[in-house]
Amino acid sequence: LFAKSLVLGLAVAAPVGPIGALCINRTLE
């Protein structure tokens, strides 16, 4: 159950959409 949940967390976060773009921008700035 923990492994499935970990995969879900990764899968939801990984696509580089608006939040990913914002995170990359904040890191560079």
PDB file of all heavy atoms in Angstrom:
ATOM      1  N   LEU A   1       0.826  -1.200   0.000  1.00  0.00           N
ATOM      2  CA  LEU A   1       0.000   0.000   0.000  1.00  0.00           C
ATOM      3  C   LEU A   1       0.863   1.252   0.000  1.00  0.00           C
ATOM      4  O   LEU A   1       0.586   2.213  -0.725  1.00  0.00           O
ATOM      5  CB  LEU A   1      -0.914  -0.003   1.225  1.00  0.00           C
ATOM      6  CG  LEU A   1      -1.891   1.177   1.355  1.00  0.00           C
ATOM      7  CD1 LEU A   1      -2.856   1.206   0.185  1.00  0.00           C
ATOM      8  CD2 LEU A   1      -2.648   1.096   2.675  1.00  0.00           C
ATOM      9  N   PHE A   2       1.939   1.229   0.790  1.00  0.00           N
ATOM     10  CA  PHE A   2       2.845   2.374   0.842  1.00  0.00           C
ATOM     11  C   PHE A   2       3.532   2.583  -0.510  1.00  0.00           C
ATOM     12  O   PHE A   2       3.678   3.723  -0.974  1.00  0.00           O
ATOM     13  CB  PHE A   2       3.897   2.165   1.931  1.00  0.00           C
ATOM     14  CG  PHE A   2       4.900   3.280   2.027  1.00  0.00           C
ATOM     15  CD1 PHE A   2       4.562   4.494   2.620  1.00  0.00           C
ATOM     16  CD2 PHE A   2       6.180   3.123   1.515  1.00  0.00           C
ATOM     17  CE1 PHE A   2       5.474   5.529   2.705  1.00  0.00           C
ATOM     18  CE2 PHE A   2       7.105   4.154   1.591  1.00  0.00           C
ATOM     19  CZ  PHE A   2       6.747   5.357   2.188  1.00  0.00           C
ATOM     20  N   ALA A   3       3.956   1.476  -1.146  1.00  0.00           N
ATOM     21  CA  ALA A   3       4.633   1.560  -2.440  1.00  0.00           C
ATOM     22  C   ALA A   3       3.696   2.148  -3.504  1.00  0.00           C
ATOM     23  O   ALA A   3       4.099   2.995  -4.308  1.00  0.00           O
ATOM     24  CB  ALA A   3       5.126   0.189  -2.876  1.00  0.00           C
ATOM     25  N   LYS A   4       2.438   1.702  -3.505  1.00  0.00           N
ATOM     26  CA  LYS A   4       1.465   2.241  -4.460  1.00  0.00           C
ATOM     27  C   LYS A   4       1.255   3.737  -4.236  1.00  0.00           C
ATOM     28  O   LYS A   4       1.160   4.515  -5.182  1.00  0.00           O
ATOM     29  CB  LYS A   4       0.133   1.508  -4.314  1.00  0.00           C
ATOM     30  CG  LYS A   4       0.104   0.105  -4.886  1.00  0.00           C
ATOM     31  CD  LYS A   4      -1.296  -0.479  -4.746  1.00  0.00           C
ATOM     32  CE  LYS A   4      -1.395  -1.853  -5.377  1.00  0.00           C
ATOM     33  NZ  LYS A   4      -2.762  -2.415  -5.246  1.00  0.00           N
ATOM     34  N   SER A   5       1.180   4.120  -2.968  1.00  0.00           N
ATOM     35  CA  SER A   5       0.965   5.527  -2.632  1.00  0.00           C
ATOM     36  C   SER A   5       2.171   6.366  -3.037  1.00  0.00           C
ATOM     37  O   SER A   5       2.021   7.505  -3.499  1.00  0.00           O
ATOM     38  CB  SER A   5       0.702   5.670  -1.130  1.00  0.00           C
ATOM     39  OG  SER A   5      -0.375   4.858  -0.732  1.00  0.00           O
ATOM     40  N   LEU A   6       3.369   5.815  -2.858  1.00  0.00           N
ATOM     41  CA  LEU A   6       4.592   6.513  -3.258  1.00  0.00           C
ATOM     42  C   LEU A   6       4.603   6.744  -4.768  1.00  0.00           C
ATOM     43  O   LEU A   6       4.944   7.831  -5.250  1.00  0.00           O
ATOM     44  CB  LEU A   6       5.811   5.693  -2.833  1.00  0.00           C
ATOM     45  CG  LEU A   6       7.165   6.403  -2.822  1.00  0.00           C
ATOM     46  CD1 LEU A   6       7.224   7.396  -1.674  1.00  0.00           C
ATOM     47  CD2 LEU A   6       8.299   5.382  -2.684  1.00  0.00           C
ATOM     48  N   VAL A   7       4.213   5.706  -5.513  1.00  0.00           N
ATOM     49  CA  VAL A   7       4.136   5.816  -6.971  1.00  0.00           C
ATOM     50  C   VAL A   7       3.108   6.876  -7.373  1.00  0.00           C
ATOM     51  O   VAL A   7       3.331   7.665  -8.297  1.00  0.00           O
ATOM     52  CB  VAL A   7       3.773   4.454  -7.595  1.00  0.00           C
ATOM     53  CG1 VAL A   7       3.434   4.613  -9.077  1.00  0.00           C
ATOM     54  CG2 VAL A   7       4.925   3.471  -7.423  1.00  0.00           C
ATOM     55  N   LEU A   8       1.977   6.897  -6.665  1.00  0.00           N
ATOM     56  CA  LEU A   8       0.948   7.898  -6.964  1.00  0.00           C
ATOM     57  C   LEU A   8       1.483   9.308  -6.749  1.00  0.00           C
ATOM     58  O   LEU A   8       1.262  10.203  -7.574  1.00  0.00           O
ATOM     59  CB  LEU A   8      -0.281   7.661  -6.081  1.00  0.00           C
ATOM     60  CG  LEU A   8      -1.409   8.702  -6.202  1.00  0.00           C
ATOM     61  CD1 LEU A   8      -1.934   8.760  -7.634  1.00  0.00           C
ATOM     62  CD2 LEU A   8      -2.541   8.369  -5.239  1.00  0.00           C
ATOM     63  N   GLY A   9       2.184   9.523  -5.632  1.00  0.00           N
ATOM     64  CA  GLY A   9       2.765  10.834  -5.358  1.00  0.00           C
ATOM     65  C   GLY A   9       3.739  11.260  -6.441  1.00  0.00           C
ATOM     66  O   GLY A   9       3.733  12.420  -6.890  1.00  0.00           O
ATOM     67  N   LEU A  10       4.574  10.329  -6.893  1.00  0.00           N
ATOM     68  CA  LEU A  10       5.528  10.621  -7.966  1.00  0.00           C
ATOM     69  C   LEU A  10       4.802  10.920  -9.278  1.00  0.00           C
ATOM     70  O   LEU A  10       5.146  11.867  -9.998  1.00  0.00           O
ATOM     71  CB  LEU A  10       6.471   9.431  -8.165  1.00  0.00           C
ATOM     72  CG  LEU A  10       7.664   9.316  -7.222  1.00  0.00           C
ATOM     73  CD1 LEU A  10       8.295   7.935  -7.332  1.00  0.00           C
ATOM     74  CD2 LEU A  10       8.705  10.389  -7.543  1.00  0.00           C
ATOM     75  N   ALA A  11       3.792  10.104  -9.581  1.00  0.00           N
ATOM     76  CA  ALA A  11       3.088  10.232 -10.857  1.00  0.00           C
ATOM     77  C   ALA A  11       2.332  11.548 -10.951  1.00  0.00           C
ATOM     78  O   ALA A  11       2.282  12.168 -12.020  1.00  0.00           O
ATOM     79  CB  ALA A  11       2.127   9.059 -11.035  1.00  0.00           C
ATOM     80  N   VAL A  12       1.740  11.981  -9.853  1.00  0.00           N
ATOM     81  CA  VAL A  12       0.990  13.239  -9.862  1.00  0.00           C
ATOM     82  C   VAL A  12       1.929  14.435  -9.976  1.00  0.00           C
ATOM     83  O   VAL A  12       1.637  15.417 -10.661  1.00  0.00           O
ATOM     84  CB  VAL A  12       0.116  13.357  -8.595  1.00  0.00           C
ATOM     85  CG1 VAL A  12      -0.478  14.745  -8.473  1.00  0.00           C
ATOM     86  CG2 VAL A  12      -0.998  12.320  -8.627  1.00  0.00           C
ATOM     87  N   ALA A  13       3.096  14.344  -9.326  1.00  0.00           N
ATOM     88  CA  ALA A  13       4.022  15.478  -9.291  1.00  0.00           C
ATOM     89  C   ALA A  13       4.873  15.603 -10.551  1.00  0.00           C
ATOM     90  O   ALA A  13       5.242  16.711 -10.944  1.00  0.00           O
ATOM     91  CB  ALA A  13       4.931  15.366  -8.066  1.00  0.00           C
ATOM     92  N   ALA A  14       5.193  14.470 -11.191  1.00  0.00           N
ATOM     93  CA  ALA A  14       6.216  14.455 -12.237  1.00  0.00           C
ATOM     94  C   ALA A  14       5.884  15.235 -13.504  1.00  0.00           C
ATOM     95  O   ALA A  14       6.770  15.893 -14.059  1.00  0.00           O
ATOM     96  CB  ALA A  14       6.580  13.006 -12.586  1.00  0.00           C
ATOM     97  N   PRO A  15       4.658  15.189 -14.035  1.00  0.00           N
ATOM     98  CA  PRO A  15       4.411  15.930 -15.286  1.00  0.00           C
ATOM     99  C   PRO A  15       4.762  17.417 -15.144  1.00  0.00           C
ATOM    100  O   PRO A  15       4.348  18.072 -14.189  1.00  0.00           O
ATOM    101  CB  PRO A  15       2.901  15.749 -15.503  1.00  0.00           C
ATOM    102  CG  PRO A  15       2.575  14.490 -14.788  1.00  0.00           C
ATOM    103  CD  PRO A  15       3.458  14.484 -13.573  1.00  0.00           C
ATOM    104  N   VAL A  16       5.537  17.936 -16.092  1.00  0.00           N
ATOM    105  CA  VAL A  16       5.979  19.337 -16.016  1.00  0.00           C
ATOM    106  C   VAL A  16       4.891  20.232 -16.586  1.00  0.00           C
ATOM    107  O   VAL A  16       4.909  20.593 -17.764  1.00  0.00           O
ATOM    108  CB  VAL A  16       7.311  19.533 -16.759  1.00  0.00           C
ATOM    109  CG1 VAL A  16       7.782  20.984 -16.619  1.00  0.00           C
ATOM    110  CG2 VAL A  16       8.367  18.587 -16.219  1.00  0.00           C
ATOM    111  N   GLY A  17       3.925  20.563 -15.742  1.00  0.00           N
ATOM    112  CA  GLY A  17       2.865  21.497 -16.100  1.00  0.00           C
ATOM    113  C   GLY A  17       3.147  22.855 -15.493  1.00  0.00           C
ATOM    114  O   GLY A  17       4.319  23.241 -15.319  1.00  0.00           O
ATOM    115  N   PRO A  18       2.124  23.596 -15.135  1.00  0.00           N
ATOM    116  CA  PRO A  18       2.330  24.942 -14.584  1.00  0.00           C
ATOM    117  C   PRO A  18       3.098  24.943 -13.271  1.00  0.00           C
ATOM    118  O   PRO A  18       3.915  25.831 -13.025  1.00  0.00           O
ATOM    119  CB  PRO A  18       0.896  25.460 -14.391  1.00  0.00           C
ATOM    120  CG  PRO A  18       0.030  24.244 -14.362  1.00  0.00           C
ATOM    121  CD  PRO A  18       0.688  23.262 -15.266  1.00  0.00           C
ATOM    122  N   ILE A  19       2.854  23.942 -12.421  1.00  0.00           N
ATOM    123  CA  ILE A  19       3.543  23.909 -11.128  1.00  0.00           C
ATOM    124  C   ILE A  19       5.012  23.550 -11.322  1.00  0.00           C
ATOM    125  O   ILE A  19       5.897  24.125 -10.685  1.00  0.00           O
ATOM    126  CB  ILE A  19       2.852  22.910 -10.181  1.00  0.00           C
ATOM    127  CG1 ILE A  19       1.396  23.325  -9.967  1.00  0.00           C
ATOM    128  CG2 ILE A  19       3.584  22.829  -8.841  1.00  0.00           C
ATOM    129  CD1 ILE A  19       0.551  22.305  -9.254  1.00  0.00           C
ATOM    130  N   GLY A  20       5.278  22.606 -12.220  1.00  0.00           N
ATOM    131  CA  GLY A  20       6.664  22.252 -12.502  1.00  0.00           C
ATOM    132  C   GLY A  20       7.440  23.423 -13.085  1.00  0.00           C
ATOM    133  O   GLY A  20       8.586  23.674 -12.713  1.00  0.00           O
ATOM    134  N   ALA A  21       6.790  24.153 -14.008  1.00  0.00           N
ATOM    135  CA  ALA A  21       7.443  25.327 -14.600  1.00  0.00           C
ATOM    136  C   ALA A  21       7.750  26.368 -13.535  1.00  0.00           C
ATOM    137  O   ALA A  21       8.819  26.988 -13.531  1.00  0.00           O
ATOM    138  CB  ALA A  21       6.546  25.921 -15.683  1.00  0.00           C
ATOM    139  N   LEU A  22       6.803  26.558 -12.617  1.00  0.00           N
ATOM    140  CA  LEU A  22       7.000  27.533 -11.547  1.00  0.00           C
ATOM    141  C   LEU A  22       8.136  27.110 -10.620  1.00  0.00           C
ATOM    142  O   LEU A  22       8.958  27.939 -10.209  1.00  0.00           O
ATOM    143  CB  LEU A  22       5.705  27.690 -10.750  1.00  0.00           C
ATOM    144  CG  LEU A  22       5.686  28.774  -9.674  1.00  0.00           C
ATOM    145  CD1 LEU A  22       5.846  30.149 -10.307  1.00  0.00           C
ATOM    146  CD2 LEU A  22       4.390  28.713  -8.875  1.00  0.00           C
ATOM    147  N   CYS A  23       8.213  25.819 -10.309  1.00  0.00           N
ATOM    148  CA  CYS A  23       9.264  25.309  -9.431  1.00  0.00           C
ATOM    149  C   CYS A  23      10.642  25.481 -10.060  1.00  0.00           C
ATOM    150  O   CYS A  23      11.600  25.883  -9.394  1.00  0.00           O
ATOM    151  CB  CYS A  23       9.003  23.838  -9.118  1.00  0.00           C
ATOM    152  SG  CYS A  23      10.201  23.098  -7.974  1.00  0.00           S
ATOM    153  N   ILE A  24      10.743  25.180 -11.352  1.00  0.00           N
ATOM    154  CA  ILE A  24      12.013  25.346 -12.057  1.00  0.00           C
ATOM    155  C   ILE A  24      12.429  26.813 -12.051  1.00  0.00           C
ATOM    156  O   ILE A  24      13.597  27.153 -11.813  1.00  0.00           O
ATOM    157  CB  ILE A  24      11.892  24.822 -13.504  1.00  0.00           C
ATOM    158  CG1 ILE A  24      11.732  23.293 -13.496  1.00  0.00           C
ATOM    159  CG2 ILE A  24      13.110  25.223 -14.336  1.00  0.00           C
ATOM    160  CD1 ILE A  24      11.401  22.711 -14.851  1.00  0.00           C
ATOM    161  N   ASN A  25      11.457  27.688 -12.304  1.00  0.00           N
ATOM    162  CA  ASN A  25      11.743  29.119 -12.324  1.00  0.00           C
ATOM    163  C   ASN A  25      12.218  29.605 -10.961  1.00  0.00           C
ATOM    164  O   ASN A  25      13.182  30.365 -10.851  1.00  0.00           O
ATOM    165  CB  ASN A  25      10.480  29.880 -12.749  1.00  0.00           C
ATOM    166  CG  ASN A  25      10.733  31.352 -12.952  1.00  0.00           C
ATOM    167  OD1 ASN A  25      11.803  31.752 -13.404  1.00  0.00           O
ATOM    168  ND2 ASN A  25       9.771  32.171 -12.598  1.00  0.00           N
ATOM    169  N   ARG A  26      11.546  29.185  -9.894  1.00  0.00           N
ATOM    170  CA  ARG A  26      11.928  29.593  -8.544  1.00  0.00           C
ATOM    171  C   ARG A  26      13.323  29.094  -8.196  1.00  0.00           C
ATOM    172  O   ARG A  26      14.099  29.788  -7.533  1.00  0.00           O
ATOM    173  CB  ARG A  26      10.913  29.054  -7.525  1.00  0.00           C
ATOM    174  CG  ARG A  26       9.544  29.719  -7.584  1.00  0.00           C
ATOM    175  CD  ARG A  26       9.613  31.163  -7.112  1.00  0.00           C
ATOM    176  NE  ARG A  26       8.288  31.764  -7.034  1.00  0.00           N
ATOM    177  CZ  ARG A  26       7.693  32.391  -8.020  1.00  0.00           C
ATOM    178  NH1 ARG A  26       8.301  32.500  -9.200  1.00  0.00           N
ATOM    179  NH2 ARG A  26       6.483  32.928  -7.863  1.00  0.00           N
ATOM    180  N   THR A  27      13.651  27.880  -8.632  1.00  0.00           N
ATOM    181  CA  THR A  27      14.969  27.329  -8.342  1.00  0.00           C
ATOM    182  C   THR A  27      16.061  28.137  -9.023  1.00  0.00           C
ATOM    183  O   THR A  27      17.102  28.437  -8.424  1.00  0.00           O
ATOM    184  CB  THR A  27      15.060  25.857  -8.793  1.00  0.00           C
ATOM    185  OG1 THR A  27      14.025  25.105  -8.155  1.00  0.00           O
ATOM    186  CG2 THR A  27      16.407  25.254  -8.423  1.00  0.00           C
ATOM    187  N   LEU A  28      15.840  28.496 -10.282  1.00  0.00           N
ATOM    188  CA  LEU A  28      16.836  29.284 -11.007  1.00  0.00           C
ATOM    189  C   LEU A  28      16.967  30.692 -10.431  1.00  0.00           C
ATOM    190  O   LEU A  28      18.060  31.260 -10.382  1.00  0.00           O
ATOM    191  CB  LEU A  28      16.458  29.364 -12.489  1.00  0.00           C
ATOM    192  CG  LEU A  28      16.667  28.083 -13.305  1.00  0.00           C
ATOM    193  CD1 LEU A  28      16.064  28.239 -14.693  1.00  0.00           C
ATOM    194  CD2 LEU A  28      18.142  27.735 -13.399  1.00  0.00           C
ATOM    195  N   GLU A  29      15.844  31.265  -9.995  1.00  0.00           N
ATOM    196  CA  GLU A  29      15.863  32.627  -9.466  1.00  0.00           C
ATOM    197  C   GLU A  29      16.449  32.689  -8.059  1.00  0.00           C
ATOM    198  O   GLU A  29      17.230  33.585  -7.746  1.00  0.00           O
ATOM    199  CB  GLU A  29      14.446  33.194  -9.422  1.00  0.00           C
ATOM    200  CG  GLU A  29      13.889  33.598 -10.768  1.00  0.00           C
ATOM    201  CD  GLU A  29      12.509  34.227 -10.623  1.00  0.00           C
ATOM    202  OE1 GLU A  29      11.957  34.223  -9.502  1.00  0.00           O
ATOM    203  OE2 GLU A  29      11.976  34.725 -11.626  1.00  0.00           O
TER     204      GLU A  29
END
